[in-house]
PDB file of N, CA and C in Angstrom:
ATOM      1  N   MET A   1     173.209 156.547 226.015  1.00  0.00           N
ATOM      2  CA  MET A   1     174.201 156.181 227.014  1.00  0.00           C
ATOM      3  C   MET A   1     174.174 157.217 228.140  1.00  0.00           C
ATOM      4  N   PRO A   2     174.407 156.764 229.346  1.00  0.00           N
ATOM      5  CA  PRO A   2     174.395 157.689 230.483  1.00  0.00           C
ATOM      6  C   PRO A   2     175.641 158.569 230.531  1.00  0.00           C
ATOM      7  N   VAL A   3     175.477 159.693 231.198  1.00  0.00           N
ATOM      8  CA  VAL A   3     176.583 160.613 231.445  1.00  0.00           C
ATOM      9  C   VAL A   3     177.027 160.399 232.883  1.00  0.00           C
ATOM     10  N   TYR A   4     178.308 160.104 233.083  1.00  0.00           N
ATOM     11  CA  TYR A   4     178.854 159.896 234.423  1.00  0.00           C
ATOM     12  C   TYR A   4     179.699 161.103 234.802  1.00  0.00           C
ATOM     13  N   GLU A   5     179.577 161.519 236.051  1.00  0.00           N
ATOM     14  CA  GLU A   5     180.340 162.655 236.562  1.00  0.00           C
ATOM     15  C   GLU A   5     181.503 162.142 237.396  1.00  0.00           C
ATOM     16  N   TYR A   6     182.661 162.778 237.229  1.00  0.00           N
ATOM     17  CA  TYR A   6     183.870 162.394 237.946  1.00  0.00           C
ATOM     18  C   TYR A   6     184.508 163.632 238.561  1.00  0.00           C
ATOM     19  N   TYR A   7     185.341 163.378 239.564  1.00  0.00           N
ATOM     20  CA  TYR A   7     186.082 164.450 240.223  1.00  0.00           C
ATOM     21  C   TYR A   7     187.535 164.027 240.358  1.00  0.00           C
ATOM     22  N   CYS A   8     188.435 164.910 239.932  1.00  0.00           N
ATOM     23  CA  CYS A   8     189.870 164.654 240.050  1.00  0.00           C
ATOM     24  C   CYS A   8     190.388 165.384 241.285  1.00  0.00           C
ATOM     25  N   GLU A   9     190.912 164.629 242.245  1.00  0.00           N
ATOM     26  CA  GLU A   9     191.432 165.242 243.475  1.00  0.00           C
ATOM     27  C   GLU A   9     192.719 166.019 243.217  1.00  0.00           C
ATOM     28  N   LYS A  10     193.521 165.565 242.288  1.00  0.00           N
ATOM     29  CA  LYS A  10     194.818 166.202 242.030  1.00  0.00           C
ATOM     30  C   LYS A  10     194.650 167.631 241.509  1.00  0.00           C
ATOM     31  N   CYS A  11     193.828 167.813 240.487  1.00  0.00           N
ATOM     32  CA  CYS A  11     193.665 169.163 239.922  1.00  0.00           C
ATOM     33  C   CYS A  11     192.303 169.780 240.242  1.00  0.00           C
ATOM     34  N   GLN A  12     191.501 169.093 241.047  1.00  0.00           N
ATOM     35  CA  GLN A  12     190.193 169.558 241.516  1.00  0.00           C
ATOM     36  C   GLN A  12     189.251 169.913 240.362  1.00  0.00           C
ATOM     37  N   LEU A  13     189.280 169.083 239.337  1.00  0.00           N
ATOM     38  CA  LEU A  13     188.443 169.283 238.164  1.00  0.00           C
ATOM     39  C   LEU A  13     187.246 168.344 238.217  1.00  0.00           C
ATOM     40  N   GLU A  14     186.071 168.864 237.931  1.00  0.00           N
ATOM     41  CA  GLU A  14     184.879 168.036 237.768  1.00  0.00           C
ATOM     42  C   GLU A  14     184.675 167.861 236.272  1.00  0.00           C
ATOM     43  N   TYR A  15     184.434 166.617 235.850  1.00  0.00           N
ATOM     44  CA  TYR A  15     184.248 166.362 234.426  1.00  0.00           C
ATOM     45  C   TYR A  15     183.242 165.253 234.215  1.00  0.00           C
ATOM     46  N   GLU A  16     182.726 165.185 232.995  1.00  0.00           N
ATOM     47  CA  GLU A  16     181.702 164.206 232.636  1.00  0.00           C
ATOM     48  C   GLU A  16     182.203 163.339 231.496  1.00  0.00           C
ATOM     49  N   ILE A  17     181.759 162.087 231.496  1.00  0.00           N
ATOM     50  CA  ILE A  17     182.089 161.155 230.424  1.00  0.00           C
ATOM     51  C   ILE A  17     180.813 160.417 230.034  1.00  0.00           C
ATOM     52  N   ILE A  18     180.564 160.356 228.735  1.00  0.00           N
ATOM     53  CA  ILE A  18     179.448 159.562 228.222  1.00  0.00           C
ATOM     54  C   ILE A  18     180.001 158.189 227.903  1.00  0.00           C
ATOM     55  N   ARG A  19     179.441 157.172 228.559  1.00  0.00           N
ATOM     56  CA  ARG A  19     179.917 155.805 228.334  1.00  0.00           C
ATOM     57  C   ARG A  19     178.807 154.818 228.631  1.00  0.00           C
ATOM     58  N   PRO A  20     178.913 153.614 228.075  1.00  0.00           N
ATOM     59  CA  PRO A  20     177.880 152.607 228.348  1.00  0.00           C
ATOM     60  C   PRO A  20     177.900 152.158 229.808  1.00  0.00           C
ATOM     61  N   VAL A  21     176.786 151.654 230.271  1.00  0.00           N
ATOM     62  CA  VAL A  21     176.666 151.165 231.644  1.00  0.00           C
ATOM     63  C   VAL A  21     177.688 150.065 231.910  1.00  0.00           C
ATOM     64  N   SER A  22     177.985 149.267 230.911  1.00  0.00           N
ATOM     65  CA  SER A  22     178.940 148.170 231.086  1.00  0.00           C
ATOM     66  C   SER A  22     180.345 148.666 231.410  1.00  0.00           C
ATOM     67  N   LYS A  23     180.637 149.940 231.164  1.00  0.00           N
ATOM     68  CA  LYS A  23     181.970 150.495 231.434  1.00  0.00           C
ATOM     69  C   LYS A  23     181.965 151.514 232.567  1.00  0.00           C
ATOM     70  N   MET A  24     180.884 151.552 233.350  1.00  0.00           N
ATOM     71  CA  MET A  24     180.783 152.582 234.384  1.00  0.00           C
ATOM     72  C   MET A  24     181.846 152.457 235.472  1.00  0.00           C
ATOM     73  N   ASP A  25     182.357 151.265 235.725  1.00  0.00           N
ATOM     74  CA  ASP A  25     183.355 151.080 236.780  1.00  0.00           C
ATOM     75  C   ASP A  25     184.791 151.129 236.269  1.00  0.00           C
ATOM     76  N   GLU A  26     184.977 151.326 234.972  1.00  0.00           N
ATOM     77  CA  GLU A  26     186.334 151.409 234.429  1.00  0.00           C
ATOM     78  C   GLU A  26     186.951 152.750 234.798  1.00  0.00           C
ATOM     79  N   PRO A  27     188.284 152.828 234.861  1.00  0.00           N
ATOM     80  CA  PRO A  27     188.949 154.094 235.190  1.00  0.00           C
ATOM     81  C   PRO A  27     188.547 155.206 234.222  1.00  0.00           C
ATOM     82  N   ALA A  28     188.477 156.419 234.757  1.00  0.00           N
ATOM     83  CA  ALA A  28     188.117 157.589 233.956  1.00  0.00           C
ATOM     84  C   ALA A  28     189.189 158.653 234.140  1.00  0.00           C
ATOM     85  N   PRO A  29     190.184 158.679 233.263  1.00  0.00           N
ATOM     86  CA  PRO A  29     191.283 159.627 233.433  1.00  0.00           C
ATOM     87  C   PRO A  29     190.848 161.079 233.232  1.00  0.00           C
ATOM     88  N   CYS A  30     191.416 161.940 234.039  1.00  0.00           N
ATOM     89  CA  CYS A  30     191.176 163.378 233.968  1.00  0.00           C
ATOM     90  C   CYS A  30     191.793 163.918 232.671  1.00  0.00           C
ATOM     91  N   ALA A  31     191.133 164.869 232.031  1.00  0.00           N
ATOM     92  CA  ALA A  31     191.638 165.455 230.789  1.00  0.00           C
ATOM     93  C   ALA A  31     192.879 166.313 231.023  1.00  0.00           C
ATOM     94  N   ASN A  32     193.041 166.878 232.238  1.00  0.00           N
ATOM     95  CA  ASN A  32     194.189 167.744 232.528  1.00  0.00           C
ATOM     96  C   ASN A  32     195.433 166.970 232.930  1.00  0.00           C
ATOM     97  N   CYS A  33     195.301 166.097 233.934  1.00  0.00           N
ATOM     98  CA  CYS A  33     196.482 165.456 234.517  1.00  0.00           C
ATOM     99  C   CYS A  33     196.560 163.955 234.249  1.00  0.00           C
ATOM    100  N   LYS A  34     195.541 163.384 233.652  1.00  0.00           N
ATOM    101  CA  LYS A  34     195.475 161.952 233.312  1.00  0.00           C
ATOM    102  C   LYS A  34     195.355 161.031 234.524  1.00  0.00           C
ATOM    103  N   GLU A  35     195.177 161.583 235.733  1.00  0.00           N
ATOM    104  CA  GLU A  35     194.911 160.765 236.918  1.00  0.00           C
ATOM    105  C   GLU A  35     193.464 160.278 236.849  1.00  0.00           C
ATOM    106  N   ASN A  36     193.208 159.113 237.430  1.00  0.00           N
ATOM    107  CA  ASN A  36     191.843 158.596 237.438  1.00  0.00           C
ATOM    108  C   ASN A  36     190.991 159.374 238.433  1.00  0.00           C
ATOM    109  N   GLY A  37     189.821 159.786 237.988  1.00  0.00           N
ATOM    110  CA  GLY A  37     188.903 160.523 238.842  1.00  0.00           C
ATOM    111  C   GLY A  37     187.988 159.588 239.609  1.00  0.00           C
ATOM    112  N   GLN A  38     187.313 160.141 240.588  1.00  0.00           N
ATOM    113  CA  GLN A  38     186.339 159.388 241.381  1.00  0.00           C
ATOM    114  C   GLN A  38     184.947 159.681 240.840  1.00  0.00           C
ATOM    115  N   ARG A  39     184.186 158.620 240.596  1.00  0.00           N
ATOM    116  CA  ARG A  39     182.823 158.805 240.100  1.00  0.00           C
ATOM    117  C   ARG A  39     181.974 159.417 241.203  1.00  0.00           C
ATOM    118  N   GLN A  40     181.164 160.397 240.846  1.00  0.00           N
ATOM    119  CA  GLN A  40     180.321 161.112 241.789  1.00  0.00           C
ATOM    120  C   GLN A  40     178.876 160.649 241.661  1.00  0.00           C
ATOM    121  N   LEU A  41     178.128 160.779 242.739  1.00  0.00           N
ATOM    122  CA  LEU A  41     176.694 160.503 242.686  1.00  0.00           C
ATOM    123  C   LEU A  41     176.007 161.689 242.025  1.00  0.00           C
ATOM    124  N   SER A  42     175.076 161.393 241.161  1.00  0.00           N
ATOM    125  CA  SER A  42     174.379 162.444 240.424  1.00  0.00           C
ATOM    126  C   SER A  42     172.883 162.339 240.645  1.00  0.00           C
ATOM    127  N   ASN A  43     172.211 163.445 240.485  1.00  0.00           N
ATOM    128  CA  ASN A  43     170.751 163.441 240.490  1.00  0.00           C
ATOM    129  C   ASN A  43     170.271 163.012 239.120  1.00  0.00           C
ATOM    130  N   PHE A  44     169.158 162.314 239.107  1.00  0.00           N
ATOM    131  CA  PHE A  44     168.577 161.870 237.851  1.00  0.00           C
ATOM    132  C   PHE A  44     167.253 162.572 237.661  1.00  0.00           C
ATOM    133  N   SER A  45     167.013 163.039 236.462  1.00  0.00           N
ATOM    134  CA  SER A  45     165.713 163.625 236.163  1.00  0.00           C
ATOM    135  C   SER A  45     165.408 163.418 234.690  1.00  0.00           C
ATOM    136  N   PHE A  46     164.148 163.545 234.356  1.00  0.00           N
ATOM    137  CA  PHE A  46     163.763 163.452 232.959  1.00  0.00           C
ATOM    138  C   PHE A  46     162.563 164.344 232.713  1.00  0.00           C
ATOM    139  N   LYS A  47     162.370 164.674 231.466  1.00  0.00           N
ATOM    140  CA  LYS A  47     161.223 165.474 231.080  1.00  0.00           C
ATOM    141  C   LYS A  47     160.545 164.760 229.925  1.00  0.00           C
ATOM    142  N   SER A  48     159.251 164.640 230.010  1.00  0.00           N
ATOM    143  CA  SER A  48     158.497 163.951 228.975  1.00  0.00           C
ATOM    144  C   SER A  48     157.455 164.893 228.395  1.00  0.00           C
ATOM    145  N   LYS A  49     157.383 164.945 227.091  1.00  0.00           N
ATOM    146  CA  LYS A  49     156.372 165.777 226.441  1.00  0.00           C
ATOM    147  C   LYS A  49     155.023 165.072 226.393  1.00  0.00           C
ATOM    148  N   THR A  50     155.015 163.764 226.607  1.00  0.00           N
ATOM    149  CA  THR A  50     153.772 163.005 226.493  1.00  0.00           C
ATOM    150  C   THR A  50     153.196 162.584 227.837  1.00  0.00           C
ATOM    151  N   PHE A  51     153.891 162.840 228.933  1.00  0.00           N
ATOM    152  CA  PHE A  51     153.419 162.413 230.246  1.00  0.00           C
ATOM    153  C   PHE A  51     152.253 163.280 230.691  1.00  0.00           C
ATOM    154  N   SER A  52     151.252 162.656 231.279  1.00  0.00           N
ATOM    155  CA  SER A  52     150.156 163.399 231.896  1.00  0.00           C
ATOM    156  C   SER A  52     149.826 162.739 233.232  1.00  0.00           C
ATOM    157  N   ALA A  53     149.266 163.507 234.119  1.00  0.00           N
ATOM    158  CA  ALA A  53     148.907 162.990 235.441  1.00  0.00           C
ATOM    159  C   ALA A  53     147.786 161.968 235.301  1.00  0.00           C
ATOM    160  N   PRO A  54     147.715 161.002 236.204  1.00  0.00           N
ATOM    161  CA  PRO A  54     146.646 160.007 236.131  1.00  0.00           C
ATOM    162  C   PRO A  54     145.278 160.648 236.339  1.00  0.00           C
ATOM    163  N   LYS A  55     144.303 160.101 235.670  1.00  0.00           N
ATOM    164  CA  LYS A  55     142.926 160.576 235.809  1.00  0.00           C
ATOM    165  C   LYS A  55     142.316 159.912 237.041  1.00  0.00           C
ATOM    166  N   LEU A  56     141.872 160.707 237.997  1.00  0.00           N
ATOM    167  CA  LEU A  56     141.298 160.187 239.232  1.00  0.00           C
ATOM    168  C   LEU A  56     139.781 160.183 239.134  1.00  0.00           C
ATOM    169  N   GLY A  57     139.179 159.148 239.683  1.00  0.00           N
ATOM    170  CA  GLY A  57     137.721 159.030 239.678  1.00  0.00           C
ATOM    171  C   GLY A  57     137.095 159.927 240.723  1.00  0.00           C
ATOM    172  N   PRO A  58     135.778 159.900 240.823  1.00  0.00           N
ATOM    173  CA  PRO A  58     135.089 160.728 241.818  1.00  0.00           C
ATOM    174  C   PRO A  58     135.445 160.283 243.235  1.00  0.00           C
ATOM    175  N   THR A  59     135.443 161.213 244.138  1.00  0.00           N
ATOM    176  CA  THR A  59     135.795 160.926 245.522  1.00  0.00           C
ATOM    177  C   THR A  59     134.545 160.617 246.344  1.00  0.00           C
ATOM    178  N   THR A  60     134.726 159.889 247.422  1.00  0.00           N
ATOM    179  CA  THR A  60     133.604 159.555 248.311  1.00  0.00           C
ATOM    180  C   THR A  60     133.355 160.646 249.335  1.00  0.00           C
ATOM    181  N   GLY A  61     134.264 161.590 249.439  1.00  0.00           N
ATOM    182  CA  GLY A  61     134.126 162.642 250.430  1.00  0.00           C
ATOM    183  C   GLY A  61     134.752 162.281 251.759  1.00  0.00           C
ATOM    184  N   GLN A  62     135.107 161.007 251.965  1.00  0.00           N
ATOM    185  CA  GLN A  62     135.749 160.579 253.202  1.00  0.00           C
ATOM    186  C   GLN A  62     137.263 160.709 253.061  1.00  0.00           C
ATOM    187  N   PRO A  63     137.963 160.956 254.164  1.00  0.00           N
ATOM    188  CA  PRO A  63     139.421 160.907 254.097  1.00  0.00           C
ATOM    189  C   PRO A  63     139.867 159.520 253.632  1.00  0.00           C
ATOM    190  N   PHE A  64     140.976 159.463 252.939  1.00  0.00           N
ATOM    191  CA  PHE A  64     141.451 158.209 252.364  1.00  0.00           C
ATOM    192  C   PHE A  64     141.600 157.109 253.411  1.00  0.00           C
ATOM    193  N   ARG A  65     142.082 157.433 254.592  1.00  0.00           N
ATOM    194  CA  ARG A  65     142.334 156.410 255.609  1.00  0.00           C
ATOM    195  C   ARG A  65     141.053 155.752 256.115  1.00  0.00           C
ATOM    196  N   ASN A  66     139.884 156.368 255.894  1.00  0.00           N
ATOM    197  CA  ASN A  66     138.619 155.814 256.382  1.00  0.00           C
ATOM    198  C   ASN A  66     137.769 155.185 255.285  1.00  0.00           C
ATOM    199  N   ARG A  67     138.227 155.142 254.083  1.00  0.00           N
ATOM    200  CA  ARG A  67     137.412 154.657 252.971  1.00  0.00           C
ATOM    201  C   ARG A  67     137.127 153.168 253.043  1.00  0.00           C
ATOM    202  N   ASN A  68     138.054 152.371 253.499  1.00  0.00           N
ATOM    203  CA  ASN A  68     137.912 150.914 253.461  1.00  0.00           C
ATOM    204  C   ASN A  68     137.640 150.353 254.848  1.00  0.00           C
ATOM    205  N   ARG A  69     136.625 150.837 255.514  1.00  0.00           N
ATOM    206  CA  ARG A  69     136.312 150.394 256.871  1.00  0.00           C
ATOM    207  C   ARG A  69     135.300 149.260 256.897  1.00  0.00           C
ATOM    208  N   ASN A  70     134.932 148.712 255.764  1.00  0.00           N
ATOM    209  CA  ASN A  70     133.989 147.590 255.722  1.00  0.00           C
ATOM    210  C   ASN A  70     134.732 146.322 256.116  1.00  0.00           C
ATOM    211  N   GLN A  71     134.609 145.916 257.362  1.00  0.00           N
ATOM    212  CA  GLN A  71     135.320 144.739 257.841  1.00  0.00           C
ATOM    213  C   GLN A  71     134.455 143.499 257.698  1.00  0.00           C
ATOM    214  N   THR A  72     135.099 142.414 257.377  1.00  0.00           N
ATOM    215  CA  THR A  72     134.383 141.142 257.321  1.00  0.00           C
ATOM    216  C   THR A  72     134.376 140.531 258.711  1.00  0.00           C
ATOM    217  N   LYS A  73     133.644 139.460 258.894  1.00  0.00           N
ATOM    218  CA  LYS A  73     133.559 138.784 260.187  1.00  0.00           C
ATOM    219  C   LYS A  73     134.939 138.330 260.652  1.00  0.00           C
ATOM    220  N   ASP A  74     135.778 137.848 259.724  1.00  0.00           N
ATOM    221  CA  ASP A  74     137.118 137.370 260.082  1.00  0.00           C
ATOM    222  C   ASP A  74     138.035 138.501 260.519  1.00  0.00           C
ATOM    223  N   GLN A  75     137.802 139.714 260.017  1.00  0.00           N
ATOM    224  CA  GLN A  75     138.668 140.839 260.340  1.00  0.00           C
ATOM    225  C   GLN A  75     138.238 141.563 261.606  1.00  0.00           C
ATOM    226  N   ASN A  76     136.986 141.429 262.019  1.00  0.00           N
ATOM    227  CA  ASN A  76     136.451 142.167 263.149  1.00  0.00           C
ATOM    228  C   ASN A  76     136.698 141.376 264.436  1.00  0.00           C
ATOM    229  N   PRO A  77     137.581 141.846 265.330  1.00  0.00           N
ATOM    230  CA  PRO A  77     137.904 141.091 266.542  1.00  0.00           C
ATOM    231  C   PRO A  77     136.729 140.989 267.517  1.00  0.00           C
ATOM    232  N   SER A  78     135.783 141.917 267.507  1.00  0.00           N
ATOM    233  CA  SER A  78     134.660 141.856 268.445  1.00  0.00           C
ATOM    234  C   SER A  78     133.601 140.848 268.009  1.00  0.00           C
ATOM    235  N   ALA A  79     133.648 140.338 266.782  1.00  0.00           N
ATOM    236  CA  ALA A  79     132.661 139.379 266.291  1.00  0.00           C
ATOM    237  C   ALA A  79     133.030 137.947 266.658  1.00  0.00           C
ATOM    238  N   GLN A  80     134.124 137.742 267.342  1.00  0.00           N
ATOM    239  CA  GLN A  80     134.561 136.371 267.651  1.00  0.00           C
ATOM    240  C   GLN A  80     134.121 135.931 269.012  1.00  0.00           C
TER     241      GLN A  80
END
């Protein structure tokens, strides 16, 4: 379940609540004053022990923007 961050304006407390996505818009009372807090935007990140970078094939030596310059007759405006 995701962790949602909230902020209470009354007592200026930042707090977190673990709840299902289906309840993300329900009121989240502050632990100190019981007023409903405002949900805050949070950064998302993850760490994977099994992730690896993609394996790249050999390069042509050309800059990427020039690699696909083989134009067909339909694509070449001077051939018309």
